[in-house]
C-alpha cells in the first residue's frame, strides 16, 4: 500500500480498502481483521470470540475466530463466522443495552466500520494513529 497523503488525512476509500483486503474467505478475513484491528486499536475496542476444538485445546492453539466485535462509541459492529459463512451486524448500544440491531451485507459492514473508524479518529488522537497503522500496514 502507498503512503498516506502529505497532509496525513486518511480518506474513507483508503480505510475501506484496508478493511476489504481479505474479505473473500470469511474465516481468513475475520482472523486478519482481528489481528489488524486488535493491534491497531486501544484495548477494549475489539472483542474476539473463538471456537476451540479438542485438538486446539490439546495443542494449545487459540482456535478459529467465530466473532469479532468493534465498539466505537454507541455503535457496535460484529462479524460472526459460522461454517465459513459471514454474518455482519451493526448495533446501537447504550450502557450495555442494545437499542437497535441491523443485519447487513459484508461490504456494507466494512464501509460502515471504515466510516465509524474515521469519525472516531477525528476526535481521538490515539485512534487516529491506530487507523494510520491499519491503513499503512506498519
N, C-alpha and C. Protein backbone atom coordinates (compact mmCIF):
# COMPACT_ATOMS: atom_id res chain seq x y z
N UNK A 1 0.84 -1.17 0.00
CA UNK A 1 0.00 0.00 0.00
C UNK A 1 0.88 1.24 0.00
N UNK A 2 0.38 2.33 -0.50
CA UNK A 2 1.16 3.55 -0.60
C UNK A 2 1.05 4.36 0.68
N UNK A 3 1.96 5.30 0.82
CA UNK A 3 1.95 6.19 1.98
C UNK A 3 0.73 7.10 1.91
N UNK A 4 0.23 7.58 3.06
CA UNK A 4 -0.89 8.49 3.06
C UNK A 4 -0.48 9.84 2.48
N UNK A 5 -1.45 10.66 2.06
CA UNK A 5 -1.14 11.98 1.53
C UNK A 5 -0.34 12.80 2.53
N UNK A 6 0.33 13.82 2.02
CA UNK A 6 1.22 14.64 2.84
C UNK A 6 0.51 15.28 4.02
N UNK A 7 -0.79 15.60 3.86
CA UNK A 7 -1.49 16.26 4.96
C UNK A 7 -1.96 15.28 6.03
N UNK A 8 -1.58 14.00 5.90
CA UNK A 8 -1.89 12.96 6.87
C UNK A 8 -3.37 12.66 6.99
N UNK A 9 -4.19 13.17 6.10
CA UNK A 9 -5.61 12.88 6.14
C UNK A 9 -5.86 11.52 5.50
N UNK A 10 -6.54 10.65 6.23
CA UNK A 10 -6.86 9.33 5.69
C UNK A 10 -8.23 9.40 5.05
N UNK A 11 -8.32 8.98 3.80
CA UNK A 11 -9.60 9.02 3.13
C UNK A 11 -10.43 7.81 3.50
N UNK A 12 -11.73 7.96 3.38
CA UNK A 12 -12.64 6.86 3.65
C UNK A 12 -12.36 5.70 2.69
N UNK A 13 -11.97 6.00 1.45
CA UNK A 13 -11.67 4.96 0.47
C UNK A 13 -10.45 4.15 0.89
N UNK A 14 -9.43 4.80 1.44
CA UNK A 14 -8.23 4.09 1.90
C UNK A 14 -8.56 3.15 3.06
N UNK A 15 -9.38 3.62 3.98
CA UNK A 15 -9.74 2.82 5.14
C UNK A 15 -10.58 1.63 4.70
N UNK A 16 -11.57 1.88 3.84
CA UNK A 16 -12.43 0.81 3.35
C UNK A 16 -11.61 -0.23 2.59
N UNK A 17 -10.66 0.22 1.78
CA UNK A 17 -9.80 -0.71 1.04
C UNK A 17 -8.99 -1.57 1.99
N UNK A 18 -8.48 -0.99 3.05
CA UNK A 18 -7.71 -1.76 4.03
C UNK A 18 -8.59 -2.80 4.72
N UNK A 19 -9.85 -2.47 4.98
CA UNK A 19 -10.75 -3.41 5.65
C UNK A 19 -11.24 -4.50 4.71
N UNK A 20 -11.29 -4.23 3.41
CA UNK A 20 -11.78 -5.21 2.44
C UNK A 20 -10.68 -6.09 1.88
N UNK A 21 -9.47 -5.86 2.25
CA UNK A 21 -8.31 -6.53 1.67
C UNK A 21 -8.47 -8.03 1.52
N UNK A 22 -8.93 -8.72 2.55
CA UNK A 22 -9.00 -10.18 2.54
C UNK A 22 -10.43 -10.68 2.76
N UNK A 23 -11.43 -10.05 2.19
CA UNK A 23 -12.80 -10.40 2.51
C UNK A 23 -13.35 -11.56 1.69
N UNK A 24 -12.56 -12.22 0.84
CA UNK A 24 -13.08 -13.30 0.02
C UNK A 24 -13.36 -14.56 0.83
N UNK A 25 -12.54 -14.91 1.79
CA UNK A 25 -12.76 -16.06 2.66
C UNK A 25 -13.11 -15.54 4.05
N UNK A 26 -14.33 -15.82 4.50
CA UNK A 26 -14.83 -15.23 5.75
C UNK A 26 -13.96 -15.57 6.96
N UNK A 27 -13.51 -16.80 7.07
CA UNK A 27 -12.70 -17.19 8.23
C UNK A 27 -11.35 -16.48 8.22
N UNK A 28 -10.72 -16.41 7.06
CA UNK A 28 -9.43 -15.72 6.94
C UNK A 28 -9.63 -14.22 7.18
N UNK A 29 -10.70 -13.66 6.62
CA UNK A 29 -10.99 -12.24 6.79
C UNK A 29 -11.17 -11.91 8.27
N UNK A 30 -11.95 -12.73 8.99
CA UNK A 30 -12.18 -12.48 10.42
C UNK A 30 -10.87 -12.56 11.20
N UNK A 31 -10.02 -13.51 10.84
CA UNK A 31 -8.74 -13.66 11.51
C UNK A 31 -7.83 -12.46 11.25
N UNK A 32 -7.75 -12.03 10.00
CA UNK A 32 -6.92 -10.87 9.63
C UNK A 32 -7.46 -9.61 10.28
N UNK A 33 -8.78 -9.45 10.26
CA UNK A 33 -9.41 -8.28 10.86
C UNK A 33 -9.14 -8.25 12.37
N UNK A 34 -9.23 -9.40 13.01
CA UNK A 34 -8.96 -9.50 14.44
C UNK A 34 -7.54 -9.05 14.75
N UNK A 35 -6.61 -9.56 13.99
CA UNK A 35 -5.20 -9.23 14.21
C UNK A 35 -4.92 -7.75 13.93
N UNK A 36 -5.37 -7.26 12.78
CA UNK A 36 -5.04 -5.88 12.41
C UNK A 36 -5.75 -4.86 13.31
N UNK A 37 -7.04 -5.04 13.55
CA UNK A 37 -7.75 -4.10 14.42
C UNK A 37 -7.33 -4.26 15.88
N UNK A 38 -7.11 -5.50 16.30
CA UNK A 38 -6.70 -5.74 17.68
C UNK A 38 -5.37 -5.09 18.01
N UNK A 39 -4.45 -5.10 17.03
CA UNK A 39 -3.14 -4.47 17.24
C UNK A 39 -3.21 -2.96 17.06
N UNK A 40 -4.10 -2.49 16.19
CA UNK A 40 -4.14 -1.07 15.87
C UNK A 40 -4.94 -0.24 16.88
N UNK A 41 -6.01 -0.80 17.41
CA UNK A 41 -6.87 -0.03 18.31
C UNK A 41 -6.52 -0.27 19.77
N UNK A 42 -6.82 0.70 20.62
CA UNK A 42 -6.55 0.55 22.06
C UNK A 42 -7.36 -0.60 22.66
N UNK A 43 -6.92 -1.12 23.80
CA UNK A 43 -7.65 -2.21 24.46
C UNK A 43 -9.10 -1.81 24.74
N UNK A 44 -10.00 -2.77 24.61
CA UNK A 44 -11.41 -2.52 24.88
C UNK A 44 -12.23 -2.19 23.66
N UNK A 45 -11.59 -1.85 22.56
CA UNK A 45 -12.32 -1.52 21.35
C UNK A 45 -12.72 -2.76 20.57
N UNK A 46 -11.91 -3.80 20.62
CA UNK A 46 -12.14 -5.02 19.83
C UNK A 46 -12.29 -6.21 20.77
N UNK A 47 -13.38 -6.95 20.57
CA UNK A 47 -13.63 -8.17 21.34
C UNK A 47 -13.65 -9.33 20.36
N UNK A 48 -12.98 -10.42 20.73
CA UNK A 48 -12.89 -11.58 19.85
C UNK A 48 -13.38 -12.82 20.59
N UNK A 49 -14.23 -13.58 19.92
CA UNK A 49 -14.66 -14.88 20.44
C UNK A 49 -14.10 -15.95 19.52
N UNK A 50 -13.64 -17.03 20.10
CA UNK A 50 -13.05 -18.13 19.33
C UNK A 50 -13.72 -19.45 19.68
N UNK A 51 -13.75 -20.33 18.70
CA UNK A 51 -14.21 -21.70 18.93
C UNK A 51 -12.99 -22.60 18.89
N UNK A 52 -12.81 -23.37 19.95
CA UNK A 52 -11.64 -24.24 20.03
C UNK A 52 -12.09 -25.70 20.01
N UNK A 53 -11.53 -26.45 19.10
CA UNK A 53 -11.80 -27.88 19.05
C UNK A 53 -10.96 -28.57 20.12
N UNK A 54 -11.24 -29.83 20.32
CA UNK A 54 -10.45 -30.60 21.29
C UNK A 54 -8.99 -30.61 20.87
N UNK A 55 -8.74 -30.74 19.58
CA UNK A 55 -7.36 -30.72 19.06
C UNK A 55 -6.69 -29.38 19.37
N UNK A 56 -7.43 -28.28 19.20
CA UNK A 56 -6.88 -26.95 19.52
C UNK A 56 -6.50 -26.87 21.00
N UNK A 57 -7.39 -27.37 21.84
CA UNK A 57 -7.13 -27.33 23.29
C UNK A 57 -5.90 -28.15 23.66
N UNK A 58 -5.80 -29.33 23.08
CA UNK A 58 -4.69 -30.23 23.42
C UNK A 58 -3.36 -29.67 22.93
N UNK A 59 -3.37 -28.95 21.83
CA UNK A 59 -2.13 -28.42 21.27
C UNK A 59 -1.87 -26.97 21.68
N UNK A 60 -2.76 -26.41 22.50
CA UNK A 60 -2.55 -25.05 22.99
C UNK A 60 -2.79 -23.98 21.93
N UNK A 61 -3.55 -24.30 20.89
CA UNK A 61 -3.86 -23.31 19.84
C UNK A 61 -5.06 -22.48 20.24
N UNK A 62 -5.13 -21.25 19.75
CA UNK A 62 -6.22 -20.37 20.15
C UNK A 62 -7.58 -20.74 19.54
N UNK A 63 -7.60 -21.48 18.45
CA UNK A 63 -8.85 -21.83 17.79
C UNK A 63 -9.21 -20.86 16.69
N UNK A 64 -10.34 -21.12 16.06
CA UNK A 64 -10.83 -20.29 14.95
C UNK A 64 -11.63 -19.10 15.48
N UNK A 65 -11.47 -17.96 14.85
CA UNK A 65 -12.26 -16.79 15.22
C UNK A 65 -13.71 -17.05 14.82
N UNK A 66 -14.63 -16.91 15.77
CA UNK A 66 -16.04 -17.10 15.47
C UNK A 66 -16.81 -15.78 15.46
N UNK A 67 -16.28 -14.77 16.17
CA UNK A 67 -16.97 -13.48 16.22
C UNK A 67 -15.99 -12.37 16.57
N UNK A 68 -16.09 -11.27 15.85
CA UNK A 68 -15.30 -10.08 16.11
C UNK A 68 -16.29 -8.93 16.33
N UNK A 69 -16.13 -8.21 17.43
CA UNK A 69 -16.98 -7.05 17.70
C UNK A 69 -16.10 -5.82 17.89
N UNK A 70 -16.44 -4.75 17.19
CA UNK A 70 -15.70 -3.49 17.31
C UNK A 70 -16.66 -2.46 17.88
N UNK A 71 -16.30 -1.91 19.03
CA UNK A 71 -17.16 -0.93 19.71
C UNK A 71 -16.54 0.46 19.59
N UNK A 72 -17.28 1.34 18.94
CA UNK A 72 -16.86 2.73 18.77
C UNK A 72 -18.01 3.62 19.23
N UNK A 73 -17.87 4.16 20.41
CA UNK A 73 -18.94 4.99 20.97
C UNK A 73 -20.16 4.12 21.26
N UNK A 74 -21.31 4.52 20.72
CA UNK A 74 -22.52 3.73 20.95
C UNK A 74 -22.80 2.75 19.81
N UNK A 75 -21.86 2.64 18.89
CA UNK A 75 -22.01 1.73 17.76
C UNK A 75 -21.15 0.49 17.96
N UNK A 76 -21.76 -0.69 17.80
CA UNK A 76 -21.05 -1.96 17.92
C UNK A 76 -21.24 -2.70 16.60
N UNK A 77 -20.13 -3.02 15.95
CA UNK A 77 -20.19 -3.74 14.68
C UNK A 77 -19.62 -5.13 14.88
N UNK A 78 -20.43 -6.14 14.59
CA UNK A 78 -19.99 -7.51 14.80
C UNK A 78 -19.94 -8.28 13.48
N UNK A 79 -18.95 -9.14 13.39
CA UNK A 79 -18.81 -10.05 12.27
C UNK A 79 -18.68 -11.45 12.85
N UNK A 80 -19.64 -12.31 12.53
CA UNK A 80 -19.62 -13.69 13.00
C UNK A 80 -19.35 -14.60 11.81
N UNK A 81 -18.68 -15.71 12.08
CA UNK A 81 -18.41 -16.69 11.04
C UNK A 81 -18.89 -18.05 11.55
N UNK A 82 -19.85 -18.63 10.84
CA UNK A 82 -20.34 -19.97 11.18
C UNK A 82 -20.32 -20.81 9.92
N UNK A 83 -19.63 -21.94 9.99
CA UNK A 83 -19.50 -22.84 8.84
C UNK A 83 -18.97 -22.12 7.61
N UNK A 84 -18.06 -21.19 7.83
CA UNK A 84 -17.44 -20.45 6.73
C UNK A 84 -18.29 -19.33 6.15
N UNK A 85 -19.48 -19.12 6.68
CA UNK A 85 -20.39 -18.08 6.19
C UNK A 85 -20.37 -16.87 7.12
N UNK A 86 -20.14 -15.69 6.55
CA UNK A 86 -20.11 -14.49 7.39
C UNK A 86 -21.51 -13.96 7.70
N UNK A 87 -21.65 -13.37 8.86
CA UNK A 87 -22.87 -12.72 9.27
C UNK A 87 -22.46 -11.40 9.92
N UNK A 88 -22.87 -10.29 9.33
CA UNK A 88 -22.45 -8.98 9.83
C UNK A 88 -23.65 -8.22 10.40
N UNK A 89 -23.40 -7.52 11.52
CA UNK A 89 -24.44 -6.73 12.17
C UNK A 89 -23.87 -5.38 12.60
N UNK A 90 -24.74 -4.40 12.58
CA UNK A 90 -24.42 -3.09 13.12
C UNK A 90 -25.46 -2.81 14.21
N UNK A 91 -24.98 -2.59 15.42
CA UNK A 91 -25.87 -2.37 16.57
C UNK A 91 -25.65 -1.00 17.17
N UNK A 92 -26.69 -0.46 17.75
CA UNK A 92 -26.60 0.77 18.53
C UNK A 92 -26.80 0.34 19.97
N UNK A 93 -25.81 0.65 20.84
CA UNK A 93 -25.84 0.18 22.22
C UNK A 93 -25.59 1.36 23.16
N UNK A 94 -26.40 1.46 24.20
CA UNK A 94 -26.22 2.50 25.21
C UNK A 94 -26.22 1.83 26.58
N UNK A 95 -25.15 2.03 27.34
CA UNK A 95 -24.98 1.46 28.68
C UNK A 95 -25.24 -0.04 28.71
N UNK A 96 -24.75 -0.74 27.71
CA UNK A 96 -24.87 -2.19 27.67
C UNK A 96 -26.18 -2.73 27.13
N UNK A 97 -27.11 -1.83 26.77
CA UNK A 97 -28.41 -2.25 26.25
C UNK A 97 -28.44 -2.00 24.74
N UNK A 98 -28.74 -3.04 23.98
CA UNK A 98 -28.81 -2.91 22.52
C UNK A 98 -30.15 -2.29 22.16
N UNK A 99 -30.10 -1.09 21.56
CA UNK A 99 -31.31 -0.38 21.17
C UNK A 99 -31.77 -0.76 19.77
N UNK A 100 -30.82 -1.06 18.90
CA UNK A 100 -31.17 -1.48 17.54
C UNK A 100 -30.12 -2.45 17.03
N UNK A 101 -30.55 -3.33 16.14
CA UNK A 101 -29.67 -4.34 15.57
C UNK A 101 -30.07 -4.50 14.10
N UNK A 102 -29.07 -4.39 13.21
CA UNK A 102 -29.35 -4.48 11.79
C UNK A 102 -28.35 -5.42 11.12
N UNK A 103 -28.87 -6.49 10.51
CA UNK A 103 -28.01 -7.40 9.73
C UNK A 103 -27.74 -6.73 8.39
N UNK A 104 -26.47 -6.73 7.97
CA UNK A 104 -26.08 -6.06 6.72
C UNK A 104 -25.12 -6.96 5.94
N UNK A 105 -25.03 -6.74 4.61
CA UNK A 105 -24.03 -7.48 3.81
C UNK A 105 -22.62 -7.10 4.24
N UNK A 106 -21.67 -7.99 4.00
CA UNK A 106 -20.28 -7.79 4.43
C UNK A 106 -19.68 -6.49 3.88
N UNK A 107 -19.93 -6.18 2.61
CA UNK A 107 -19.40 -4.95 2.02
C UNK A 107 -19.92 -3.71 2.70
N UNK A 108 -21.21 -3.71 3.01
CA UNK A 108 -21.81 -2.56 3.72
C UNK A 108 -21.25 -2.46 5.13
N UNK A 109 -21.03 -3.60 5.77
CA UNK A 109 -20.46 -3.62 7.12
C UNK A 109 -19.06 -3.03 7.12
N UNK A 110 -18.23 -3.43 6.14
CA UNK A 110 -16.86 -2.91 6.04
C UNK A 110 -16.88 -1.40 5.81
N UNK A 111 -17.80 -0.93 4.95
CA UNK A 111 -17.90 0.51 4.69
C UNK A 111 -18.35 1.27 5.94
N UNK A 112 -19.31 0.70 6.68
CA UNK A 112 -19.79 1.34 7.92
C UNK A 112 -18.69 1.36 8.98
N UNK A 113 -17.92 0.27 9.06
CA UNK A 113 -16.81 0.21 10.01
C UNK A 113 -15.75 1.25 9.65
N UNK A 114 -15.44 1.36 8.37
CA UNK A 114 -14.46 2.35 7.92
C UNK A 114 -14.92 3.76 8.28
N UNK A 115 -16.19 4.04 8.03
CA UNK A 115 -16.74 5.37 8.33
C UNK A 115 -16.71 5.65 9.84
N UNK A 116 -17.07 4.66 10.65
CA UNK A 116 -17.05 4.84 12.10
C UNK A 116 -15.63 5.02 12.62
N UNK A 117 -14.68 4.25 12.06
CA UNK A 117 -13.27 4.42 12.47
C UNK A 117 -12.77 5.80 12.11
N UNK A 118 -13.11 6.29 10.93
CA UNK A 118 -12.68 7.62 10.50
C UNK A 118 -13.28 8.70 11.41
N UNK A 119 -14.57 8.60 11.70
CA UNK A 119 -15.23 9.58 12.58
C UNK A 119 -14.61 9.56 13.98
N UNK A 120 -14.35 8.37 14.49
CA UNK A 120 -13.76 8.25 15.82
C UNK A 120 -12.35 8.82 15.84
N UNK A 121 -11.60 8.59 14.77
CA UNK A 121 -10.21 9.06 14.69
C UNK A 121 -10.14 10.58 14.63
N UNK A 122 -11.18 11.22 14.10
CA UNK A 122 -11.18 12.68 14.00
C UNK A 122 -11.24 13.34 15.38
N UNK A 123 -11.76 12.61 16.39
CA UNK A 123 -11.87 13.20 17.73
C UNK A 123 -10.94 12.53 18.75
N UNK A 124 -10.11 11.59 18.30
CA UNK A 124 -9.27 10.84 19.23
C UNK A 124 -7.90 10.62 18.60
N UNK A 125 -6.87 11.25 19.13
CA UNK A 125 -5.53 11.17 18.54
C UNK A 125 -4.98 9.75 18.56
N UNK A 126 -5.23 9.00 19.62
CA UNK A 126 -4.75 7.62 19.71
C UNK A 126 -5.42 6.76 18.64
N UNK A 127 -6.71 6.94 18.43
CA UNK A 127 -7.42 6.19 17.40
C UNK A 127 -6.94 6.60 16.01
N UNK A 128 -6.62 7.88 15.83
CA UNK A 128 -6.11 8.35 14.53
C UNK A 128 -4.79 7.67 14.20
N UNK A 129 -3.91 7.55 15.17
CA UNK A 129 -2.63 6.88 14.94
C UNK A 129 -2.84 5.39 14.66
N UNK A 130 -3.77 4.78 15.38
CA UNK A 130 -4.07 3.36 15.15
C UNK A 130 -4.61 3.15 13.75
N UNK A 131 -5.44 4.05 13.29
CA UNK A 131 -6.01 3.95 11.95
C UNK A 131 -4.93 4.12 10.89
N UNK A 132 -3.99 5.02 11.11
CA UNK A 132 -2.86 5.17 10.17
C UNK A 132 -2.07 3.87 10.08
N UNK A 133 -1.83 3.23 11.23
CA UNK A 133 -1.11 1.95 11.24
C UNK A 133 -1.88 0.88 10.48
N UNK A 134 -3.19 0.87 10.63
CA UNK A 134 -4.03 -0.13 9.94
C UNK A 134 -3.95 0.07 8.43
N UNK A 135 -4.07 1.30 7.97
CA UNK A 135 -4.09 1.59 6.53
C UNK A 135 -2.70 1.39 5.91
N UNK A 136 -1.66 1.87 6.59
CA UNK A 136 -0.31 1.78 6.05
C UNK A 136 0.23 0.36 6.18
N UNK A 137 -0.19 -0.35 7.21
CA UNK A 137 0.26 -1.72 7.40
C UNK A 137 1.53 -1.84 8.20
N UNK A 138 1.86 -0.84 8.98
CA UNK A 138 3.07 -0.92 9.80
C UNK A 138 2.73 -0.97 11.26
